[in-house]
Amino acid sequence: MAKAKAEVVEKVEEVTETKPVKGVAKLEEEGDIAADYLEALLDIADLDGDIDIDVENDRAALAIVGGKLNHLVGRDGEVLDAIQELTRLAVHRYRRSLPPDA
């Protein structure tokens, strides 16, 4: 079986129901929060991978690159979907723990 590099892209979605578009600084902060969460997850699972953070289309976007990460996608993407949702929840929980003006 050939060794293949896998790239797992995590997008941290912004809640846009009634809130105005967030500033780039807030999106970068959300990206940092999500990156910290994913870094801890990779450490727990003892997996290698670098995390790239970007802001695009009014969202923080993260990519886990390098290492052997095919199993983080899972069959039909179910593992990737679960990781994305857990990351969204981690960012949301962190944001709720801050004072209202932060």
PDB file of N, CA and C in Angstrom:
ATOM      1  N   MET A   1       0.846  -1.166   0.000  1.00  0.00           N
ATOM      2  CA  MET A   1       0.000   0.000   0.000  1.00  0.00           C
ATOM      3  C   MET A   1       0.893   1.231   0.000  1.00  0.00           C
ATOM      4  N   ALA A   2       0.650   2.132  -0.887  1.00  0.00           N
ATOM      5  CA  ALA A   2       1.466   3.331  -1.023  1.00  0.00           C
ATOM      6  C   ALA A   2       1.206   4.277   0.136  1.00  0.00           C
ATOM      7  N   LYS A   3       2.296   4.900   0.566  1.00  0.00           N
ATOM      8  CA  LYS A   3       2.148   5.901   1.627  1.00  0.00           C
ATOM      9  C   LYS A   3       1.705   7.201   0.991  1.00  0.00           C
ATOM     10  N   ALA A   4       0.704   7.794   1.543  1.00  0.00           N
ATOM     11  CA  ALA A   4       0.178   9.046   0.996  1.00  0.00           C
ATOM     12  C   ALA A   4       0.104  10.087   2.100  1.00  0.00           C
ATOM     13  N   LYS A   5       0.402  11.299   1.718  1.00  0.00           N
ATOM     14  CA  LYS A   5       0.230  12.399   2.661  1.00  0.00           C
ATOM     15  C   LYS A   5      -1.237  12.754   2.694  1.00  0.00           C
ATOM     16  N   ALA A   6      -1.719  13.010   3.859  1.00  0.00           N
ATOM     17  CA  ALA A   6      -3.127  13.390   3.992  1.00  0.00           C
ATOM     18  C   ALA A   6      -3.202  14.794   4.554  1.00  0.00           C
ATOM     19  N   GLU A   7      -4.119  15.529   4.067  1.00  0.00           N
ATOM     20  CA  GLU A   7      -4.364  16.859   4.600  1.00  0.00           C
ATOM     21  C   GLU A   7      -5.789  16.893   5.114  1.00  0.00           C
ATOM     22  N   VAL A   8      -5.917  17.231   6.364  1.00  0.00           N
ATOM     23  CA  VAL A   8      -7.232  17.312   6.977  1.00  0.00           C
ATOM     24  C   VAL A   8      -7.517  18.793   7.194  1.00  0.00           C
ATOM     25  N   VAL A   9      -8.550  19.251   6.576  1.00  0.00           N
ATOM     26  CA  VAL A   9      -8.880  20.668   6.679  1.00  0.00           C
ATOM     27  C   VAL A   9     -10.014  20.838   7.674  1.00  0.00           C
ATOM     28  N   GLU A  10      -9.751  21.678   8.648  1.00  0.00           N
ATOM     29  CA  GLU A  10     -10.752  21.993   9.658  1.00  0.00           C
ATOM     30  C   GLU A  10     -11.211  23.413   9.427  1.00  0.00           C
ATOM     31  N   LYS A  11     -12.473  23.586   9.275  1.00  0.00           N
ATOM     32  CA  LYS A  11     -13.005  24.935   9.155  1.00  0.00           C
ATOM     33  C   LYS A  11     -13.834  25.237  10.385  1.00  0.00           C
ATOM     34  N   VAL A  12     -13.473  26.296  11.040  1.00  0.00           N
ATOM     35  CA  VAL A  12     -14.217  26.727  12.209  1.00  0.00           C
ATOM     36  C   VAL A  12     -15.237  27.733  11.706  1.00  0.00           C
ATOM     37  N   GLU A  13     -16.492  27.314  11.728  1.00  0.00           N
ATOM     38  CA  GLU A  13     -17.537  28.147  11.160  1.00  0.00           C
ATOM     39  C   GLU A  13     -17.970  29.235  12.126  1.00  0.00           C
ATOM     40  N   GLU A  14     -18.201  30.372  11.585  1.00  0.00           N
ATOM     41  CA  GLU A  14     -18.675  31.515  12.348  1.00  0.00           C
ATOM     42  C   GLU A  14     -20.202  31.464  12.390  1.00  0.00           C
ATOM     43  N   VAL A  15     -20.766  31.801  13.539  1.00  0.00           N
ATOM     44  CA  VAL A  15     -22.219  31.884  13.647  1.00  0.00           C
ATOM     45  C   VAL A  15     -22.636  33.214  13.044  1.00  0.00           C
ATOM     46  N   THR A  16     -23.433  33.165  11.970  1.00  0.00           N
ATOM     47  CA  THR A  16     -23.783  34.393  11.263  1.00  0.00           C
ATOM     48  C   THR A  16     -25.279  34.661  11.245  1.00  0.00           C
ATOM     49  N   GLU A  17     -26.028  34.038  12.129  1.00  0.00           N
ATOM     50  CA  GLU A  17     -27.479  34.183  12.107  1.00  0.00           C
ATOM     51  C   GLU A  17     -27.906  35.647  12.187  1.00  0.00           C
ATOM     52  N   THR A  18     -27.569  36.344  13.264  1.00  0.00           N
ATOM     53  CA  THR A  18     -27.955  37.738  13.398  1.00  0.00           C
ATOM     54  C   THR A  18     -26.781  38.623  13.782  1.00  0.00           C
ATOM     55  N   LYS A  19     -25.597  38.061  13.830  1.00  0.00           N
ATOM     56  CA  LYS A  19     -24.425  38.816  14.233  1.00  0.00           C
ATOM     57  C   LYS A  19     -23.763  39.444  13.014  1.00  0.00           C
ATOM     58  N   PRO A  20     -23.164  40.627  13.170  1.00  0.00           N
ATOM     59  CA  PRO A  20     -22.434  41.232  12.056  1.00  0.00           C
ATOM     60  C   PRO A  20     -21.149  40.451  11.769  1.00  0.00           C
ATOM     61  N   VAL A  21     -20.583  40.697  10.607  1.00  0.00           N
ATOM     62  CA  VAL A  21     -19.345  40.031  10.227  1.00  0.00           C
ATOM     63  C   VAL A  21     -18.265  40.375  11.243  1.00  0.00           C
ATOM     64  N   LYS A  22     -17.523  39.363  11.664  1.00  0.00           N
ATOM     65  CA  LYS A  22     -16.477  39.569  12.652  1.00  0.00           C
ATOM     66  C   LYS A  22     -15.257  40.181  11.996  1.00  0.00           C
ATOM     67  N   GLY A  23     -14.499  40.913  12.797  1.00  0.00           N
ATOM     68  CA  GLY A  23     -13.256  41.479  12.312  1.00  0.00           C
ATOM     69  C   GLY A  23     -12.200  40.400  12.152  1.00  0.00           C
ATOM     70  N   VAL A  24     -11.203  40.715  11.377  1.00  0.00           N
ATOM     71  CA  VAL A  24     -10.128  39.758  11.112  1.00  0.00           C
ATOM     72  C   VAL A  24      -9.438  39.353  12.412  1.00  0.00           C
ATOM     73  N   ALA A  25      -9.259  40.287  13.333  1.00  0.00           N
ATOM     74  CA  ALA A  25      -8.590  39.972  14.602  1.00  0.00           C
ATOM     75  C   ALA A  25      -9.366  38.917  15.393  1.00  0.00           C
ATOM     76  N   LYS A  26     -10.696  39.055  15.426  1.00  0.00           N
ATOM     77  CA  LYS A  26     -11.507  38.056  16.144  1.00  0.00           C
ATOM     78  C   LYS A  26     -11.458  36.704  15.446  1.00  0.00           C
ATOM     79  N   LEU A  27     -11.457  36.703  14.122  1.00  0.00           N
ATOM     80  CA  LEU A  27     -11.362  35.440  13.391  1.00  0.00           C
ATOM     81  C   LEU A  27     -10.005  34.782  13.609  1.00  0.00           C
ATOM     82  N   GLU A  28      -8.952  35.584  13.647  1.00  0.00           N
ATOM     83  CA  GLU A  28      -7.625  35.029  13.919  1.00  0.00           C
ATOM     84  C   GLU A  28      -7.570  34.451  15.330  1.00  0.00           C
ATOM     85  N   GLU A  29      -8.234  35.135  16.275  1.00  0.00           N
ATOM     86  CA  GLU A  29      -8.288  34.621  17.644  1.00  0.00           C
ATOM     87  C   GLU A  29      -9.027  33.280  17.682  1.00  0.00           C
ATOM     88  N   GLU A  30     -10.142  33.174  16.977  1.00  0.00           N
ATOM     89  CA  GLU A  30     -10.864  31.904  16.917  1.00  0.00           C
ATOM     90  C   GLU A  30     -10.001  30.824  16.283  1.00  0.00           C
ATOM     91  N   GLY A  31      -9.241  31.197  15.253  1.00  0.00           N
ATOM     92  CA  GLY A  31      -8.325  30.240  14.629  1.00  0.00           C
ATOM     93  C   GLY A  31      -7.272  29.755  15.610  1.00  0.00           C
ATOM     94  N   ASP A  32      -6.752  30.665  16.430  1.00  0.00           N
ATOM     95  CA  ASP A  32      -5.763  30.279  17.442  1.00  0.00           C
ATOM     96  C   ASP A  32      -6.365  29.342  18.484  1.00  0.00           C
ATOM     97  N   ILE A  33      -7.593  29.635  18.906  1.00  0.00           N
ATOM     98  CA  ILE A  33      -8.280  28.778  19.878  1.00  0.00           C
ATOM     99  C   ILE A  33      -8.475  27.382  19.293  1.00  0.00           C
ATOM    100  N   ALA A  34      -8.953  27.331  18.068  1.00  0.00           N
ATOM    101  CA  ALA A  34      -9.175  26.039  17.403  1.00  0.00           C
ATOM    102  C   ALA A  34      -7.852  25.301  17.210  1.00  0.00           C
ATOM    103  N   ALA A  35      -6.790  26.031  16.858  1.00  0.00           N
ATOM    104  CA  ALA A  35      -5.480  25.400  16.665  1.00  0.00           C
ATOM    105  C   ALA A  35      -4.968  24.799  17.971  1.00  0.00           C
ATOM    106  N   ASP A  36      -5.156  25.511  19.082  1.00  0.00           N
ATOM    107  CA  ASP A  36      -4.743  24.981  20.385  1.00  0.00           C
ATOM    108  C   ASP A  36      -5.501  23.695  20.700  1.00  0.00           C
ATOM    109  N   TYR A  37      -6.803  23.698  20.425  1.00  0.00           N
ATOM    110  CA  TYR A  37      -7.626  22.516  20.673  1.00  0.00           C
ATOM    111  C   TYR A  37      -7.143  21.338  19.827  1.00  0.00           C
ATOM    112  N   LEU A  38      -6.922  21.587  18.534  1.00  0.00           N
ATOM    113  CA  LEU A  38      -6.494  20.506  17.646  1.00  0.00           C
ATOM    114  C   LEU A  38      -5.084  20.024  17.983  1.00  0.00           C
ATOM    115  N   GLU A  39      -4.214  20.933  18.396  1.00  0.00           N
ATOM    116  CA  GLU A  39      -2.858  20.549  18.803  1.00  0.00           C
ATOM    117  C   GLU A  39      -2.913  19.609  20.000  1.00  0.00           C
ATOM    118  N   ALA A  40      -3.770  19.929  20.969  1.00  0.00           N
ATOM    119  CA  ALA A  40      -3.939  19.060  22.135  1.00  0.00           C
ATOM    120  C   ALA A  40      -4.490  17.703  21.714  1.00  0.00           C
ATOM    121  N   LEU A  41      -5.434  17.703  20.791  1.00  0.00           N
ATOM    122  CA  LEU A  41      -5.995  16.445  20.294  1.00  0.00           C
ATOM    123  C   LEU A  41      -4.923  15.597  19.611  1.00  0.00           C
ATOM    124  N   LEU A  42      -4.091  16.220  18.791  1.00  0.00           N
ATOM    125  CA  LEU A  42      -2.998  15.492  18.127  1.00  0.00           C
ATOM    126  C   LEU A  42      -2.007  14.948  19.155  1.00  0.00           C
ATOM    127  N   ASP A  43      -1.715  15.738  20.197  1.00  0.00           N
ATOM    128  CA  ASP A  43      -0.802  15.279  21.244  1.00  0.00           C
ATOM    129  C   ASP A  43      -1.369  14.075  21.986  1.00  0.00           C
ATOM    130  N   ILE A  44      -2.646  14.132  22.325  1.00  0.00           N
ATOM    131  CA  ILE A  44      -3.288  13.015  23.025  1.00  0.00           C
ATOM    132  C   ILE A  44      -3.239  11.751  22.180  1.00  0.00           C
ATOM    133  N   ALA A  45      -3.495  11.917  20.879  1.00  0.00           N
ATOM    134  CA  ALA A  45      -3.499  10.767  19.972  1.00  0.00           C
ATOM    135  C   ALA A  45      -2.088  10.392  19.520  1.00  0.00           C
ATOM    136  N   ASP A  46      -1.076  11.146  19.961  1.00  0.00           N
ATOM    137  CA  ASP A  46       0.321  10.923  19.600  1.00  0.00           C
ATOM    138  C   ASP A  46       0.501  10.915  18.076  1.00  0.00           C
ATOM    139  N   LEU A  47      -0.062  11.941  17.420  1.00  0.00           N
ATOM    140  CA  LEU A  47       0.030  12.081  15.973  1.00  0.00           C
ATOM    141  C   LEU A  47       0.862  13.302  15.617  1.00  0.00           C
ATOM    142  N   ASP A  48       1.593  13.179  14.531  1.00  0.00           N
ATOM    143  CA  ASP A  48       2.355  14.310  14.018  1.00  0.00           C
ATOM    144  C   ASP A  48       1.490  15.098  13.060  1.00  0.00           C
ATOM    145  N   GLY A  49       1.776  16.362  12.938  1.00  0.00           N
ATOM    146  CA  GLY A  49       1.058  17.213  11.994  1.00  0.00           C
ATOM    147  C   GLY A  49       1.234  18.665  12.378  1.00  0.00           C
ATOM    148  N   ASP A  50       1.322  19.491  11.381  1.00  0.00           N
ATOM    149  CA  ASP A  50       1.415  20.928  11.595  1.00  0.00           C
ATOM    150  C   ASP A  50       0.056  21.547  11.306  1.00  0.00           C
ATOM    151  N   ILE A  51      -0.241  22.639  11.986  1.00  0.00           N
ATOM    152  CA  ILE A  51      -1.527  23.296  11.809  1.00  0.00           C
ATOM    153  C   ILE A  51      -1.302  24.649  11.140  1.00  0.00           C
ATOM    154  N   ASP A  52      -1.934  24.826  10.001  1.00  0.00           N
ATOM    155  CA  ASP A  52      -1.911  26.103   9.294  1.00  0.00           C
ATOM    156  C   ASP A  52      -3.222  26.827   9.566  1.00  0.00           C
ATOM    157  N   ILE A  53      -3.139  28.113   9.867  1.00  0.00           N
ATOM    158  CA  ILE A  53      -4.316  28.922  10.162  1.00  0.00           C
ATOM    159  C   ILE A  53      -4.435  30.008   9.106  1.00  0.00           C
ATOM    160  N   ASP A  54      -5.663  30.216   8.636  1.00  0.00           N
ATOM    161  CA  ASP A  54      -5.920  31.261   7.653  1.00  0.00           C
ATOM    162  C   ASP A  54      -7.310  31.834   7.913  1.00  0.00           C
ATOM    163  N   VAL A  55      -7.568  33.004   7.377  1.00  0.00           N
ATOM    164  CA  VAL A  55      -8.906  33.594   7.425  1.00  0.00           C
ATOM    165  C   VAL A  55      -9.353  33.754   5.983  1.00  0.00           C
ATOM    166  N   GLU A  56     -10.481  33.141   5.657  1.00  0.00           N
ATOM    167  CA  GLU A  56     -11.016  33.238   4.304  1.00  0.00           C
ATOM    168  C   GLU A  56     -12.536  33.193   4.345  1.00  0.00           C
ATOM    169  N   ASN A  57     -13.147  34.004   3.509  1.00  0.00           N
ATOM    170  CA  ASN A  57     -14.613  34.070   3.434  1.00  0.00           C
ATOM    171  C   ASN A  57     -15.261  34.311   4.793  1.00  0.00           C
ATOM    172  N   ASP A  58     -14.703  35.230   5.564  1.00  0.00           N
ATOM    173  CA  ASP A  58     -15.227  35.584   6.888  1.00  0.00           C
ATOM    174  C   ASP A  58     -15.285  34.401   7.841  1.00  0.00           C
ATOM    175  N   ARG A  59     -14.321  33.488   7.726  1.00  0.00           N
ATOM    176  CA  ARG A  59     -14.214  32.336   8.617  1.00  0.00           C
ATOM    177  C   ARG A  59     -12.744  32.069   8.909  1.00  0.00           C
ATOM    178  N   ALA A  60     -12.508  31.535  10.092  1.00  0.00           N
ATOM    179  CA  ALA A  60     -11.178  31.029  10.402  1.00  0.00           C
ATOM    180  C   ALA A  60     -11.097  29.637   9.791  1.00  0.00           C
ATOM    181  N   ALA A  61     -10.019  29.370   9.077  1.00  0.00           N
ATOM    182  CA  ALA A  61      -9.841  28.062   8.429  1.00  0.00           C
ATOM    183  C   ALA A  61      -8.527  27.458   8.906  1.00  0.00           C
ATOM    184  N   LEU A  62      -8.566  26.190   9.278  1.00  0.00           N
ATOM    185  CA  LEU A  62      -7.376  25.504   9.739  1.00  0.00           C
ATOM    186  C   LEU A  62      -7.134  24.277   8.880  1.00  0.00           C
ATOM    187  N   ALA A  63      -5.871  23.952   8.714  1.00  0.00           N
ATOM    188  CA  ALA A  63      -5.496  22.738   7.992  1.00  0.00           C
ATOM    189  C   ALA A  63      -4.456  22.001   8.826  1.00  0.00           C
ATOM    190  N   ILE A  64      -4.657  20.716   9.014  1.00  0.00           N
ATOM    191  CA  ILE A  64      -3.659  19.872   9.657  1.00  0.00           C
ATOM    192  C   ILE A  64      -2.914  19.183   8.519  1.00  0.00           C
ATOM    193  N   VAL A  65      -1.628  19.465   8.405  1.00  0.00           N
ATOM    194  CA  VAL A  65      -0.847  18.949   7.277  1.00  0.00           C
ATOM    195  C   VAL A  65       0.330  18.136   7.781  1.00  0.00           C
ATOM    196  N   GLY A  66       0.769  17.207   6.936  1.00  0.00           N
ATOM    197  CA  GLY A  66       1.909  16.371   7.265  1.00  0.00           C
ATOM    198  C   GLY A  66       1.502  15.179   8.098  1.00  0.00           C
ATOM    199  N   GLY A  67       2.410  14.272   8.274  1.00  0.00           N
ATOM    200  CA  GLY A  67       2.137  13.091   9.077  1.00  0.00           C
ATOM    201  C   GLY A  67       1.183  12.128   8.375  1.00  0.00           C
ATOM    202  N   LYS A  68       0.879  11.066   9.068  1.00  0.00           N
ATOM    203  CA  LYS A  68      -0.052  10.062   8.555  1.00  0.00           C
ATOM    204  C   LYS A  68      -1.405  10.314   9.194  1.00  0.00           C
ATOM    205  N   LEU A  69      -2.263  11.012   8.464  1.00  0.00           N
ATOM    206  CA  LEU A  69      -3.524  11.464   9.040  1.00  0.00           C
ATOM    207  C   LEU A  69      -4.753  10.885   8.356  1.00  0.00           C
ATOM    208  N   ASN A  70      -4.575   9.884   7.493  1.00  0.00           N
ATOM    209  CA  ASN A  70      -5.719   9.315   6.775  1.00  0.00           C
ATOM    210  C   ASN A  70      -6.812   8.834   7.720  1.00  0.00           C
ATOM    211  N   HIS A  71      -6.440   8.270   8.866  1.00  0.00           N
ATOM    212  CA  HIS A  71      -7.449   7.751   9.794  1.00  0.00           C
ATOM    213  C   HIS A  71      -8.226   8.869  10.491  1.00  0.00           C
ATOM    214  N   LEU A  72      -7.750  10.115  10.399  1.00  0.00           N
ATOM    215  CA  LEU A  72      -8.523  11.227  10.953  1.00  0.00           C
ATOM    216  C   LEU A  72      -9.698  11.614  10.064  1.00  0.00           C
ATOM    217  N   VAL A  73      -9.715  11.106   8.851  1.00  0.00           N
ATOM    218  CA  VAL A  73     -10.842  11.358   7.953  1.00  0.00           C
ATOM    219  C   VAL A  73     -11.911  10.298   8.176  1.00  0.00           C
ATOM    220  N   GLY A  74     -11.499   9.048   8.294  1.00  0.00           N
ATOM    221  CA  GLY A  74     -12.438   7.961   8.519  1.00  0.00           C
ATOM    222  C   GLY A  74     -13.191   7.585   7.260  1.00  0.00           C
ATOM    223  N   ARG A  75     -13.963   6.523   7.368  1.00  0.00           N
ATOM    224  CA  ARG A  75     -14.759   6.067   6.229  1.00  0.00           C
ATOM    225  C   ARG A  75     -15.862   7.088   5.976  1.00  0.00           C
ATOM    226  N   ASP A  76     -15.965   7.542   4.767  1.00  0.00           N
ATOM    227  CA  ASP A  76     -16.973   8.522   4.357  1.00  0.00           C
ATOM    228  C   ASP A  76     -16.879   9.838   5.140  1.00  0.00           C
ATOM    229  N   GLY A  77     -15.727  10.127   5.742  1.00  0.00           N
ATOM    230  CA  GLY A  77     -15.513  11.403   6.410  1.00  0.00           C
ATOM    231  C   GLY A  77     -16.150  11.559   7.773  1.00  0.00           C
ATOM    232  N   GLU A  78     -16.646  10.471   8.372  1.00  0.00           N
ATOM    233  CA  GLU A  78     -17.356  10.613   9.643  1.00  0.00           C
ATOM    234  C   GLU A  78     -16.446  11.077  10.779  1.00  0.00           C
ATOM    235  N   VAL A  79     -15.192  10.664  10.784  1.00  0.00           N
ATOM    236  CA  VAL A  79     -14.272  11.104  11.837  1.00  0.00           C
ATOM    237  C   VAL A  79     -13.955  12.590  11.657  1.00  0.00           C
ATOM    238  N   LEU A  80     -13.706  13.004  10.426  1.00  0.00           N
ATOM    239  CA  LEU A  80     -13.443  14.411  10.137  1.00  0.00           C
ATOM    240  C   LEU A  80     -14.627  15.282  10.549  1.00  0.00           C
ATOM    241  N   ASP A  81     -15.831  14.853  10.237  1.00  0.00           N
ATOM    242  CA  ASP A  81     -17.025  15.601  10.643  1.00  0.00           C
ATOM    243  C   ASP A  81     -17.090  15.761  12.163  1.00  0.00           C
ATOM    244  N   ALA A  82     -16.779  14.685  12.890  1.00  0.00           N
ATOM    245  CA  ALA A  82     -16.820  14.737  14.351  1.00  0.00           C
ATOM    246  C   ALA A  82     -15.752  15.682  14.890  1.00  0.00           C
ATOM    247  N   ILE A  83     -14.541  15.652  14.309  1.00  0.00           N
ATOM    248  CA  ILE A  83     -13.467  16.543  14.750  1.00  0.00           C
ATOM    249  C   ILE A  83     -13.841  17.998  14.476  1.00  0.00           C
ATOM    250  N   GLN A  84     -14.433  18.258  13.327  1.00  0.00           N
ATOM    251  CA  GLN A  84     -14.864  19.616  13.007  1.00  0.00           C
ATOM    252  C   GLN A  84     -15.895  20.119  14.014  1.00  0.00           C
ATOM    253  N   GLU A  85     -16.864  19.294  14.341  1.00  0.00           N
ATOM    254  CA  GLU A  85     -17.909  19.711  15.282  1.00  0.00           C
ATOM    255  C   GLU A  85     -17.334  19.926  16.678  1.00  0.00           C
ATOM    256  N   LEU A  86     -16.447  19.042  17.124  1.00  0.00           N
ATOM    257  CA  LEU A  86     -15.818  19.215  18.429  1.00  0.00           C
ATOM    258  C   LEU A  86     -14.992  20.495  18.484  1.00  0.00           C
ATOM    259  N   THR A  87     -14.318  20.820  17.385  1.00  0.00           N
ATOM    260  CA  THR A  87     -13.518  22.043  17.335  1.00  0.00           C
ATOM    261  C   THR A  87     -14.419  23.268  17.396  1.00  0.00           C
ATOM    262  N   ARG A  88     -15.528  23.244  16.654  1.00  0.00           N
ATOM    263  CA  ARG A  88     -16.496  24.356  16.723  1.00  0.00           C
ATOM    264  C   ARG A  88     -17.001  24.550  18.144  1.00  0.00           C
ATOM    265  N   LEU A  89     -17.335  23.442  18.802  1.00  0.00           N
ATOM    266  CA  LEU A  89     -17.841  23.520  20.174  1.00  0.00           C
ATOM    267  C   LEU A  89     -16.781  24.053  21.134  1.00  0.00           C
ATOM    268  N   ALA A  90     -15.526  23.664  20.947  1.00  0.00           N
ATOM    269  CA  ALA A  90     -14.443  24.155  21.799  1.00  0.00           C
ATOM    270  C   ALA A  90     -14.282  25.665  21.654  1.00  0.00           C
ATOM    271  N   VAL A  91     -14.342  26.167  20.425  1.00  0.00           N
ATOM    272  CA  VAL A  91     -14.231  27.609  20.196  1.00  0.00           C
ATOM    273  C   VAL A  91     -15.430  28.328  20.806  1.00  0.00           C
ATOM    274  N   HIS A  92     -16.613  27.791  20.581  1.00  0.00           N
ATOM    275  CA  HIS A  92     -17.832  28.407  21.123  1.00  0.00           C
ATOM    276  C   HIS A  92     -17.781  28.460  22.654  1.00  0.00           C
ATOM    277  N   ARG A  93     -17.365  27.366  23.264  1.00  0.00           N
ATOM    278  CA  ARG A  93     -17.295  27.313  24.728  1.00  0.00           C
ATOM    279  C   ARG A  93     -16.281  28.324  25.255  1.00  0.00           C
ATOM    280  N   TYR A  94     -15.142  28.427  24.594  1.00  0.00           N
ATOM    281  CA  TYR A  94     -14.136  29.387  25.024  1.00  0.00           C
ATOM    282  C   TYR A  94     -14.671  30.810  24.905  1.00  0.00           C
ATOM    283  N   ARG A  95     -15.302  31.131  23.779  1.00  0.00           N
ATOM    284  CA  ARG A  95     -15.836  32.480  23.565  1.00  0.00           C
ATOM    285  C   ARG A  95     -16.891  32.816  24.617  1.00  0.00           C
ATOM    286  N   ARG A  96     -17.710  31.840  25.018  1.00  0.00           N
ATOM    287  CA  ARG A  96     -18.755  32.089  26.027  1.00  0.00           C
ATOM    288  C   ARG A  96     -18.163  32.315  27.397  1.00  0.00           C
ATOM    289  N   SER A  97     -16.953  31.804  27.641  1.00  0.00           N
ATOM    290  CA  SER A  97     -16.333  31.962  28.957  1.00  0.00           C
ATOM    291  C   SER A  97     -15.695  33.337  29.145  1.00  0.00           C
ATOM    292  N   LEU A  98     -15.589  34.117  28.068  1.00  0.00           N
ATOM    293  CA  LEU A  98     -14.991  35.443  28.143  1.00  0.00           C
ATOM    294  C   LEU A  98     -16.015  36.478  28.594  1.00  0.00           C
ATOM    295  N   PRO A  99     -15.549  37.583  29.170  1.00  0.00           N
ATOM    296  CA  PRO A  99     -16.472  38.670  29.511  1.00  0.00           C
ATOM    297  C   PRO A  99     -17.148  39.192  28.245  1.00  0.00           C
ATOM    298  N   PRO A 100     -18.336  39.777  28.337  1.00  0.00           N
ATOM    299  CA  PRO A 100     -19.093  40.209  27.173  1.00  0.00           C
ATOM    300  C   PRO A 100     -18.362  41.164  26.229  1.00  0.00           C
ATOM    301  N   ASP A 101     -17.501  42.009  26.746  1.00  0.00           N
ATOM    302  CA  ASP A 101     -16.817  42.984  25.900  1.00  0.00           C
ATOM    303  C   ASP A 101     -15.502  42.472  25.336  1.00  0.00           C
ATOM    304  N   ALA A 102     -15.128  41.226  25.607  1.00  0.00           N
ATOM    305  CA  ALA A 102     -13.833  40.716  25.136  1.00  0.00           C
ATOM    306  C   ALA A 102     -13.871  40.346  23.679  1.00  0.00           C
TER     307      ALA A 102
END
